[in-house]
Amino acid sequence: MAAPNAFYAIAVWRRHRDAFRRNWTTEAGGVLLEPLIVLGAIGFGLGQFVGTFEDDVDYATFVTPGIIAGYAMFHALFEGAYGAYLRMSMHRVFDSILATPMQVEDLVLGEMLWGASRAVMTAIAVLIVATGFGLVESPLALLVVPSAFLVGLVFYPIALSATALAPSINSLNNVFTLLAVPMYFLSGIFFPVSGLPDWVEPIVWVLPLTPAAHLMRGLVLGNLDLSHLLATLALVAMAIFFGLLATHLMRRRLVI
């Protein structure tokens, strides 16, 4: 497997960016409104019944970093599943790209960069509103932006791998019903992972969204320790692993 060419990968990213800029108004609601509705309903609606949470943090402040991580995940997965499938099987964008000197490695890296960029868009939107609501307690929250990029690099190739295996676009629903939704409710977004049964907690920590939510919470609350460094390293390792997996599966789907 050859190393990807960064220049070609950025060219793929620019192609997707230009396509997004032409149609951004149709996608703005998904980027901004849905996570904000969840933040308001869960954080402020349910939060008034919960009150202060662990370490005297109110519930709205507790769930905000998790919602940022969760929607960074959702947008990366959605783009890597449905967006990539349309580009691959219906619009034939992938075939056109591979008809140039670009290789599968360049295509996958460019796709990953674009998926990570989509994760950053929603993270910035939620972070700005959360700051306006007084839910951000540390200037370290600015590091949520590159962290969301890393989260996108993890989840986009997971969806892209599913796309490479998908016999039809409808089968991609499993990415969300069997993977994303269970992670969203189990990965420490709405309650501490430590509250789970002892035999469940180690399993939950293996899920990619758990270290992502843990890292985001440490940045937003300004409460970092060694566990957040380990969470970052785990996400980097996952991004590399799933990126290599997606490249292998895409090569098998498109070339071999």
C-alpha atoms as a PDB file:
ATOM      1  CA  MET A   1       0.000   0.000   0.000  1.00  0.00           C
ATOM      2  CA  ALA A   2       1.565   3.270  -1.153  1.00  0.00           C
ATOM      3  CA  ALA A   3       1.717   6.417   0.948  1.00  0.00           C
ATOM      4  CA  PRO A   4      -0.931   8.972  -0.064  1.00  0.00           C
ATOM      5  CA  ASN A   5       0.067  12.124  -1.915  1.00  0.00           C
ATOM      6  CA  ALA A   6      -0.935  15.116   0.214  1.00  0.00           C
ATOM      7  CA  PHE A   7      -1.268  17.404  -2.821  1.00  0.00           C
ATOM      8  CA  TYR A   8      -3.743  15.046  -4.485  1.00  0.00           C
ATOM      9  CA  ALA A   9      -5.635  14.490  -1.239  1.00  0.00           C
ATOM     10  CA  ILE A  10      -6.091  18.239  -0.779  1.00  0.00           C
ATOM     11  CA  ALA A  11      -7.345  18.453  -4.362  1.00  0.00           C
ATOM     12  CA  VAL A  12     -10.064  15.921  -3.479  1.00  0.00           C
ATOM     13  CA  TRP A  13     -10.910  17.965  -0.372  1.00  0.00           C
ATOM     14  CA  ARG A  14     -11.163  21.150  -2.455  1.00  0.00           C
ATOM     15  CA  ARG A  15     -13.498  19.455  -4.909  1.00  0.00           C
ATOM     16  CA  HIS A  16     -15.868  18.503  -2.068  1.00  0.00           C
ATOM     17  CA  ARG A  17     -15.557  21.939  -0.481  1.00  0.00           C
ATOM     18  CA  ASP A  18     -16.551  23.644  -3.727  1.00  0.00           C
ATOM     19  CA  ALA A  19     -19.546  21.323  -4.114  1.00  0.00           C
ATOM     20  CA  PHE A  20     -20.595  22.076  -0.534  1.00  0.00           C
ATOM     21  CA  ARG A  21     -20.300  25.842  -1.056  1.00  0.00           C
ATOM     22  CA  ARG A  22     -22.704  25.649  -3.969  1.00  0.00           C
ATOM     23  CA  ASN A  23     -25.343  23.935  -1.829  1.00  0.00           C
ATOM     24  CA  TRP A  24     -24.541  24.987   1.719  1.00  0.00           C
ATOM     25  CA  THR A  25     -27.940  26.571   2.370  1.00  0.00           C
ATOM     26  CA  THR A  26     -29.673  23.202   2.054  1.00  0.00           C
ATOM     27  CA  GLU A  27     -27.368  21.673   4.688  1.00  0.00           C
ATOM     28  CA  ALA A  28     -27.089  24.531   7.164  1.00  0.00           C
ATOM     29  CA  GLY A  29     -30.037  23.266   9.210  1.00  0.00           C
ATOM     30  CA  GLY A  30     -28.431  19.904   9.819  1.00  0.00           C
ATOM     31  CA  VAL A  31     -25.120  21.481  10.749  1.00  0.00           C
ATOM     32  CA  LEU A  32     -26.582  23.921  13.258  1.00  0.00           C
ATOM     33  CA  LEU A  33     -30.204  23.401  14.251  1.00  0.00           C
ATOM     34  CA  GLU A  34     -30.398  19.733  15.206  1.00  0.00           C
ATOM     35  CA  PRO A  35     -27.542  19.703  17.759  1.00  0.00           C
ATOM     36  CA  LEU A  36     -28.801  22.979  19.209  1.00  0.00           C
ATOM     37  CA  ILE A  37     -32.295  21.554  19.643  1.00  0.00           C
ATOM     38  CA  VAL A  38     -30.813  18.561  21.437  1.00  0.00           C
ATOM     39  CA  LEU A  39     -28.654  20.847  23.574  1.00  0.00           C
ATOM     40  CA  GLY A  40     -31.664  22.912  24.574  1.00  0.00           C
ATOM     41  CA  ALA A  41     -34.033  19.997  25.154  1.00  0.00           C
ATOM     42  CA  ILE A  42     -31.596  17.800  27.071  1.00  0.00           C
ATOM     43  CA  GLY A  43     -29.373  20.387  28.694  1.00  0.00           C
ATOM     44  CA  PHE A  44     -31.935  22.951  29.769  1.00  0.00           C
ATOM     45  CA  GLY A  45     -35.144  20.905  29.637  1.00  0.00           C
ATOM     46  CA  LEU A  46     -34.026  17.749  31.401  1.00  0.00           C
ATOM     47  CA  GLY A  47     -31.273  19.636  33.189  1.00  0.00           C
ATOM     48  CA  GLN A  48     -33.725  21.524  35.387  1.00  0.00           C
ATOM     49  CA  PHE A  49     -34.758  18.207  36.932  1.00  0.00           C
ATOM     50  CA  VAL A  50     -31.193  16.964  37.346  1.00  0.00           C
ATOM     51  CA  GLY A  51     -29.557  20.085  38.763  1.00  0.00           C
ATOM     52  CA  THR A  52     -25.859  19.896  39.544  1.00  0.00           C
ATOM     53  CA  PHE A  53     -24.000  16.841  38.371  1.00  0.00           C
ATOM     54  CA  GLU A  54     -20.655  15.313  39.221  1.00  0.00           C
ATOM     55  CA  ASP A  55     -17.996  17.762  40.509  1.00  0.00           C
ATOM     56  CA  ASP A  56     -20.744  20.382  41.020  1.00  0.00           C
ATOM     57  CA  VAL A  57     -21.157  20.837  37.261  1.00  0.00           C
ATOM     58  CA  ASP A  58     -24.709  21.595  36.159  1.00  0.00           C
ATOM     59  CA  TYR A  59     -26.228  19.120  33.760  1.00  0.00           C
ATOM     60  CA  ALA A  60     -26.367  21.439  30.735  1.00  0.00           C
ATOM     61  CA  THR A  61     -22.634  22.089  31.067  1.00  0.00           C
ATOM     62  CA  PHE A  62     -21.974  18.368  31.498  1.00  0.00           C
ATOM     63  CA  VAL A  63     -23.784  17.281  28.320  1.00  0.00           C
ATOM     64  CA  THR A  64     -22.531  20.102  26.069  1.00  0.00           C
ATOM     65  CA  PRO A  65     -19.093  18.579  25.301  1.00  0.00           C
ATOM     66  CA  GLY A  66     -20.673  15.200  24.665  1.00  0.00           C
ATOM     67  CA  ILE A  67     -23.182  16.696  22.252  1.00  0.00           C
ATOM     68  CA  ILE A  68     -20.313  18.376  20.385  1.00  0.00           C
ATOM     69  CA  ALA A  69     -18.506  15.031  20.116  1.00  0.00           C
ATOM     70  CA  GLY A  70     -21.701  13.185  19.222  1.00  0.00           C
ATOM     71  CA  TYR A  71     -22.640  15.460  16.364  1.00  0.00           C
ATOM     72  CA  ALA A  72     -19.090  15.570  15.086  1.00  0.00           C
ATOM     73  CA  MET A  73     -19.478  11.791  14.873  1.00  0.00           C
ATOM     74  CA  PHE A  74     -22.895  11.932  13.186  1.00  0.00           C
ATOM     75  CA  HIS A  75     -21.811  14.385  10.500  1.00  0.00           C
ATOM     76  CA  ALA A  76     -18.632  12.456   9.711  1.00  0.00           C
ATOM     77  CA  LEU A  77     -20.569   9.182   9.531  1.00  0.00           C
ATOM     78  CA  PHE A  78     -23.337  10.646   7.392  1.00  0.00           C
ATOM     79  CA  GLU A  79     -20.877  12.119   4.914  1.00  0.00           C
ATOM     80  CA  GLY A  80     -18.811   8.924   4.807  1.00  0.00           C
ATOM     81  CA  ALA A  81     -21.890   6.768   4.325  1.00  0.00           C
ATOM     82  CA  TYR A  82     -24.523   8.448   2.145  1.00  0.00           C
ATOM     83  CA  GLY A  83     -22.333  11.219   0.716  1.00  0.00           C
ATOM     84  CA  ALA A  84     -19.518   8.885  -0.255  1.00  0.00           C
ATOM     85  CA  TYR A  85     -21.930   6.245  -1.602  1.00  0.00           C
ATOM     86  CA  LEU A  86     -23.538   8.789  -3.906  1.00  0.00           C
ATOM     87  CA  ARG A  87     -20.146   9.954  -5.118  1.00  0.00           C
ATOM     88  CA  MET A  88     -19.008   6.360  -5.651  1.00  0.00           C
ATOM     89  CA  SER A  89     -22.015   4.577  -7.162  1.00  0.00           C
ATOM     90  CA  MET A  90     -24.376   7.186  -8.553  1.00  0.00           C
ATOM     91  CA  HIS A  91     -22.406  10.282  -9.493  1.00  0.00           C
ATOM     92  CA  ARG A  92     -19.284   8.296 -10.470  1.00  0.00           C
ATOM     93  CA  VAL A  93     -17.015  10.910  -8.880  1.00  0.00           C
ATOM     94  CA  PHE A  94     -14.641   8.259  -7.563  1.00  0.00           C
ATOM     95  CA  ASP A  95     -14.232   6.747 -11.036  1.00  0.00           C
ATOM     96  CA  SER A  96     -13.437  10.175 -12.452  1.00  0.00           C
ATOM     97  CA  ILE A  97     -10.869  10.851  -9.743  1.00  0.00           C
ATOM     98  CA  LEU A  98      -9.161   7.495 -10.256  1.00  0.00           C
ATOM     99  CA  ALA A  99      -9.008   8.115 -14.005  1.00  0.00           C
ATOM    100  CA  THR A 100      -6.410  10.790 -13.155  1.00  0.00           C
ATOM    101  CA  PRO A 101      -2.942  10.003 -11.731  1.00  0.00           C
ATOM    102  CA  MET A 102      -4.527   9.818  -8.255  1.00  0.00           C
ATOM    103  CA  GLN A 103      -4.499   6.517  -6.404  1.00  0.00           C
ATOM    104  CA  VAL A 104      -7.002   5.039  -3.949  1.00  0.00           C
ATOM    105  CA  GLU A 105      -4.793   6.175  -1.061  1.00  0.00           C
ATOM    106  CA  ASP A 106      -5.053   9.798  -2.238  1.00  0.00           C
ATOM    107  CA  LEU A 107      -8.808   9.502  -2.671  1.00  0.00           C
ATOM    108  CA  VAL A 108      -9.384   8.040   0.798  1.00  0.00           C
ATOM    109  CA  LEU A 109      -7.187  10.617   2.529  1.00  0.00           C
ATOM    110  CA  GLY A 110      -8.974  13.436   0.715  1.00  0.00           C
ATOM    111  CA  GLU A 111     -12.318  11.941   1.688  1.00  0.00           C
ATOM    112  CA  MET A 112     -11.180  11.687   5.315  1.00  0.00           C
ATOM    113  CA  LEU A 113     -10.067  15.315   5.333  1.00  0.00           C
ATOM    114  CA  TRP A 114     -13.452  16.365   4.019  1.00  0.00           C
ATOM    115  CA  GLY A 115     -15.325  14.238   6.554  1.00  0.00           C
ATOM    116  CA  ALA A 116     -13.229  15.746   9.339  1.00  0.00           C
ATOM    117  CA  SER A 117     -14.037  19.223   8.011  1.00  0.00           C
ATOM    118  CA  ARG A 118     -17.743  18.450   8.213  1.00  0.00           C
ATOM    119  CA  ALA A 119     -17.263  17.379  11.831  1.00  0.00           C
ATOM    120  CA  VAL A 120     -15.530  20.688  12.560  1.00  0.00           C
ATOM    121  CA  MET A 121     -18.404  22.713  11.089  1.00  0.00           C
ATOM    122  CA  THR A 122     -20.994  21.410  13.525  1.00  0.00           C
ATOM    123  CA  ALA A 123     -18.531  21.498  16.448  1.00  0.00           C
ATOM    124  CA  ILE A 124     -17.845  25.195  15.871  1.00  0.00           C
ATOM    125  CA  ALA A 125     -21.557  25.982  15.585  1.00  0.00           C
ATOM    126  CA  VAL A 126     -22.448  24.245  18.859  1.00  0.00           C
ATOM    127  CA  LEU A 127     -19.392  25.655  20.637  1.00  0.00           C
ATOM    128  CA  ILE A 128     -20.309  29.234  19.721  1.00  0.00           C
ATOM    129  CA  VAL A 129     -23.879  28.871  20.961  1.00  0.00           C
ATOM    130  CA  ALA A 130     -22.781  27.006  24.094  1.00  0.00           C
ATOM    131  CA  THR A 131     -20.372  29.845  24.854  1.00  0.00           C
ATOM    132  CA  GLY A 132     -23.209  32.328  24.479  1.00  0.00           C
ATOM    133  CA  PHE A 133     -25.267  30.292  26.942  1.00  0.00           C
ATOM    134  CA  GLY A 134     -22.419  30.331  29.457  1.00  0.00           C
ATOM    135  CA  LEU A 135     -21.808  26.586  29.200  1.00  0.00           C
ATOM    136  CA  VAL A 136     -18.089  26.816  28.416  1.00  0.00           C
ATOM    137  CA  GLU A 137     -15.844  27.115  31.446  1.00  0.00           C
ATOM    138  CA  SER A 138     -12.338  27.253  29.998  1.00  0.00           C
ATOM    139  CA  PRO A 139     -10.435  28.911  27.132  1.00  0.00           C
ATOM    140  CA  LEU A 140      -9.090  25.422  26.423  1.00  0.00           C
ATOM    141  CA  ALA A 141     -12.435  24.889  24.693  1.00  0.00           C
ATOM    142  CA  LEU A 142     -10.806  26.417  21.599  1.00  0.00           C
ATOM    143  CA  LEU A 143      -9.007  23.086  21.268  1.00  0.00           C
ATOM    144  CA  VAL A 144     -12.410  21.505  20.652  1.00  0.00           C
ATOM    145  CA  VAL A 145     -11.988  22.530  17.003  1.00  0.00           C
ATOM    146  CA  PRO A 146      -8.883  20.421  16.234  1.00  0.00           C
ATOM    147  CA  SER A 147     -10.299  17.694  18.486  1.00  0.00           C
ATOM    148  CA  ALA A 148     -13.464  17.606  16.362  1.00  0.00           C
ATOM    149  CA  PHE A 149     -11.241  17.291  13.292  1.00  0.00           C
ATOM    150  CA  LEU A 150      -9.607  14.257  14.903  1.00  0.00           C
ATOM    151  CA  VAL A 151     -13.025  12.800  15.741  1.00  0.00           C
ATOM    152  CA  GLY A 152     -13.977  13.192  12.082  1.00  0.00           C
ATOM    153  CA  LEU A 153     -10.787  11.392  11.028  1.00  0.00           C
ATOM    154  CA  VAL A 154     -11.856   8.467  13.209  1.00  0.00           C
ATOM    155  CA  PHE A 155     -15.490   8.134  12.206  1.00  0.00           C
ATOM    156  CA  TYR A 156     -15.363   9.034   8.524  1.00  0.00           C
ATOM    157  CA  PRO A 157     -13.274   5.987   7.506  1.00  0.00           C
ATOM    158  CA  ILE A 158     -15.564   3.762   9.595  1.00  0.00           C
ATOM    159  CA  ALA A 159     -18.476   4.888   7.433  1.00  0.00           C
ATOM    160  CA  LEU A 160     -16.343   4.751   4.292  1.00  0.00           C
ATOM    161  CA  SER A 161     -15.489   1.131   5.087  1.00  0.00           C
ATOM    162  CA  ALA A 162     -19.200   0.365   5.344  1.00  0.00           C
ATOM    163  CA  THR A 163     -19.735   2.163   2.032  1.00  0.00           C
ATOM    164  CA  ALA A 164     -17.091  -0.001   0.387  1.00  0.00           C
ATOM    165  CA  LEU A 165     -18.967  -3.115   1.541  1.00  0.00           C
ATOM    166  CA  ALA A 166     -22.519  -1.864   0.988  1.00  0.00           C
ATOM    167  CA  PRO A 167     -24.558  -3.687  -1.665  1.00  0.00           C
ATOM    168  CA  SER A 168     -27.068  -0.820  -1.703  1.00  0.00           C
ATOM    169  CA  ILE A 169     -27.493   2.603  -0.151  1.00  0.00           C
ATOM    170  CA  ASN A 170     -30.249   1.307   2.138  1.00  0.00           C
ATOM    171  CA  SER A 171     -27.823  -1.035   3.884  1.00  0.00           C
ATOM    172  CA  LEU A 172     -25.960   2.027   5.183  1.00  0.00           C
ATOM    173  CA  ASN A 173     -28.803   2.608   7.640  1.00  0.00           C
ATOM    174  CA  ASN A 174     -27.081  -0.039   9.763  1.00  0.00           C
ATOM    175  CA  VAL A 175     -24.183   2.348  10.353  1.00  0.00           C
ATOM    176  CA  PHE A 176     -26.542   4.500  12.388  1.00  0.00           C
ATOM    177  CA  THR A 177     -28.993   2.018  13.903  1.00  0.00           C
ATOM    178  CA  LEU A 178     -26.368  -0.532  14.966  1.00  0.00           C
ATOM    179  CA  LEU A 179     -23.359   1.704  15.603  1.00  0.00           C
ATOM    180  CA  ALA A 180     -23.939   5.441  15.955  1.00  0.00           C
ATOM    181  CA  VAL A 181     -27.122   5.506  18.042  1.00  0.00           C
ATOM    182  CA  PRO A 182     -25.971   2.925  20.630  1.00  0.00           C
ATOM    183  CA  MET A 183     -22.662   4.772  20.995  1.00  0.00           C
ATOM    184  CA  TYR A 184     -24.470   8.088  21.355  1.00  0.00           C
ATOM    185  CA  PHE A 185     -26.372   6.839  24.390  1.00  0.00           C
ATOM    186  CA  LEU A 186     -23.649   4.706  25.994  1.00  0.00           C
ATOM    187  CA  SER A 187     -20.438   6.718  25.559  1.00  0.00           C
ATOM    188  CA  GLY A 188     -20.685   9.096  28.487  1.00  0.00           C
ATOM    189  CA  ILE A 189     -22.530  11.922  26.758  1.00  0.00           C
ATOM    190  CA  PHE A 190     -25.607  12.010  28.983  1.00  0.00           C
ATOM    191  CA  PHE A 191     -24.259  10.318  32.102  1.00  0.00           C
ATOM    192  CA  PRO A 192     -20.813   9.293  33.416  1.00  0.00           C
ATOM    193  CA  VAL A 193     -19.450   6.036  32.070  1.00  0.00           C
ATOM    194  CA  SER A 194     -18.524   5.159  35.656  1.00  0.00           C
ATOM    195  CA  GLY A 195     -22.238   4.732  36.367  1.00  0.00           C
ATOM    196  CA  LEU A 196     -22.453   1.685  34.095  1.00  0.00           C
ATOM    197  CA  PRO A 197     -22.122  -1.878  35.437  1.00  0.00           C
ATOM    198  CA  ASP A 198     -18.526  -2.920  36.049  1.00  0.00           C
ATOM    199  CA  TRP A 199     -18.534  -5.442  33.205  1.00  0.00           C
ATOM    200  CA  VAL A 200     -19.970  -2.919  30.717  1.00  0.00           C
ATOM    201  CA  GLU A 201     -17.621  -0.009  31.411  1.00  0.00           C
ATOM    202  CA  PRO A 202     -14.465  -1.562  29.830  1.00  0.00           C
ATOM    203  CA  ILE A 203     -16.459  -2.420  26.707  1.00  0.00           C
ATOM    204  CA  VAL A 204     -17.799   1.127  26.434  1.00  0.00           C
ATOM    205  CA  TRP A 205     -14.294   2.585  26.656  1.00  0.00           C
ATOM    206  CA  VAL A 206     -13.373   0.661  23.503  1.00  0.00           C
ATOM    207  CA  LEU A 207     -16.061   2.517  21.548  1.00  0.00           C
ATOM    208  CA  PRO A 208     -14.519   5.454  19.644  1.00  0.00           C
ATOM    209  CA  LEU A 209     -17.061   7.987  20.891  1.00  0.00           C
ATOM    210  CA  THR A 210     -16.171   7.413  24.572  1.00  0.00           C
ATOM    211  CA  PRO A 211     -12.616   8.836  24.412  1.00  0.00           C
ATOM    212  CA  ALA A 212     -13.921  11.562  22.083  1.00  0.00           C
ATOM    213  CA  ALA A 213     -16.558  12.701  24.592  1.00  0.00           C
ATOM    214  CA  HIS A 214     -14.062  12.413  27.462  1.00  0.00           C
ATOM    215  CA  LEU A 215     -11.548  14.597  25.628  1.00  0.00           C
ATOM    216  CA  MET A 216     -14.157  17.212  24.704  1.00  0.00           C
ATOM    217  CA  ARG A 217     -15.414  17.381  28.294  1.00  0.00           C
ATOM    218  CA  GLY A 218     -11.935  17.925  29.663  1.00  0.00           C
ATOM    219  CA  LEU A 219     -11.353  20.791  27.228  1.00  0.00           C
ATOM    220  CA  VAL A 220     -14.698  22.514  27.806  1.00  0.00           C
ATOM    221  CA  LEU A 221     -14.445  22.234  31.588  1.00  0.00           C
ATOM    222  CA  GLY A 222     -10.718  23.007  31.674  1.00  0.00           C
ATOM    223  CA  ASN A 223     -10.054  19.885  33.701  1.00  0.00           C
ATOM    224  CA  LEU A 224      -7.325  17.908  31.925  1.00  0.00           C
ATOM    225  CA  ASP A 225      -5.254  15.017  33.221  1.00  0.00           C
ATOM    226  CA  LEU A 226      -3.345  12.030  31.864  1.00  0.00           C
ATOM    227  CA  SER A 227      -6.561  10.273  30.866  1.00  0.00           C
ATOM    228  CA  HIS A 228      -7.258  12.979  28.275  1.00  0.00           C
ATOM    229  CA  LEU A 229      -3.825  12.474  26.718  1.00  0.00           C
ATOM    230  CA  LEU A 230      -4.521   8.749  26.549  1.00  0.00           C
ATOM    231  CA  ALA A 231      -7.907   9.473  24.954  1.00  0.00           C
ATOM    232  CA  THR A 232      -6.185  11.603  22.310  1.00  0.00           C
ATOM    233  CA  LEU A 233      -3.627   8.900  21.561  1.00  0.00           C
ATOM    234  CA  ALA A 234      -6.414   6.325  21.310  1.00  0.00           C
ATOM    235  CA  LEU A 235      -8.243   8.484  18.775  1.00  0.00           C
ATOM    236  CA  VAL A 236      -5.064   8.947  16.719  1.00  0.00           C
ATOM    237  CA  ALA A 237      -4.492   5.187  16.689  1.00  0.00           C
ATOM    238  CA  MET A 238      -8.120   4.586  15.658  1.00  0.00           C
ATOM    239  CA  ALA A 239      -7.879   7.146  12.851  1.00  0.00           C
ATOM    240  CA  ILE A 240      -4.814   5.400  11.448  1.00  0.00           C
ATOM    241  CA  PHE A 241      -6.316   1.921  11.775  1.00  0.00           C
ATOM    242  CA  PHE A 242      -9.691   2.766  10.263  1.00  0.00           C
ATOM    243  CA  GLY A 243      -8.024   4.858   7.552  1.00  0.00           C
ATOM    244  CA  LEU A 244      -5.932   1.872   6.486  1.00  0.00           C
ATOM    245  CA  LEU A 245      -8.992  -0.382   6.636  1.00  0.00           C
ATOM    246  CA  ALA A 246     -11.042   1.997   4.495  1.00  0.00           C
ATOM    247  CA  THR A 247      -8.212   2.232   1.956  1.00  0.00           C
ATOM    248  CA  HIS A 248      -7.988  -1.563   1.686  1.00  0.00           C
ATOM    249  CA  LEU A 249     -11.736  -2.004   1.291  1.00  0.00           C
ATOM    250  CA  MET A 250     -12.065   0.853  -1.186  1.00  0.00           C
ATOM    251  CA  ARG A 251      -9.224  -0.541  -3.270  1.00  0.00           C
ATOM    252  CA  ARG A 252     -10.998  -3.892  -3.355  1.00  0.00           C
ATOM    253  CA  ARG A 253     -14.291  -2.204  -4.348  1.00  0.00           C
ATOM    254  CA  LEU A 254     -12.950   0.207  -6.955  1.00  0.00           C
ATOM    255  CA  VAL A 255      -9.823  -1.381  -8.427  1.00  0.00           C
ATOM    256  CA  ILE A 256      -9.528  -5.103  -7.873  1.00  0.00           C
END
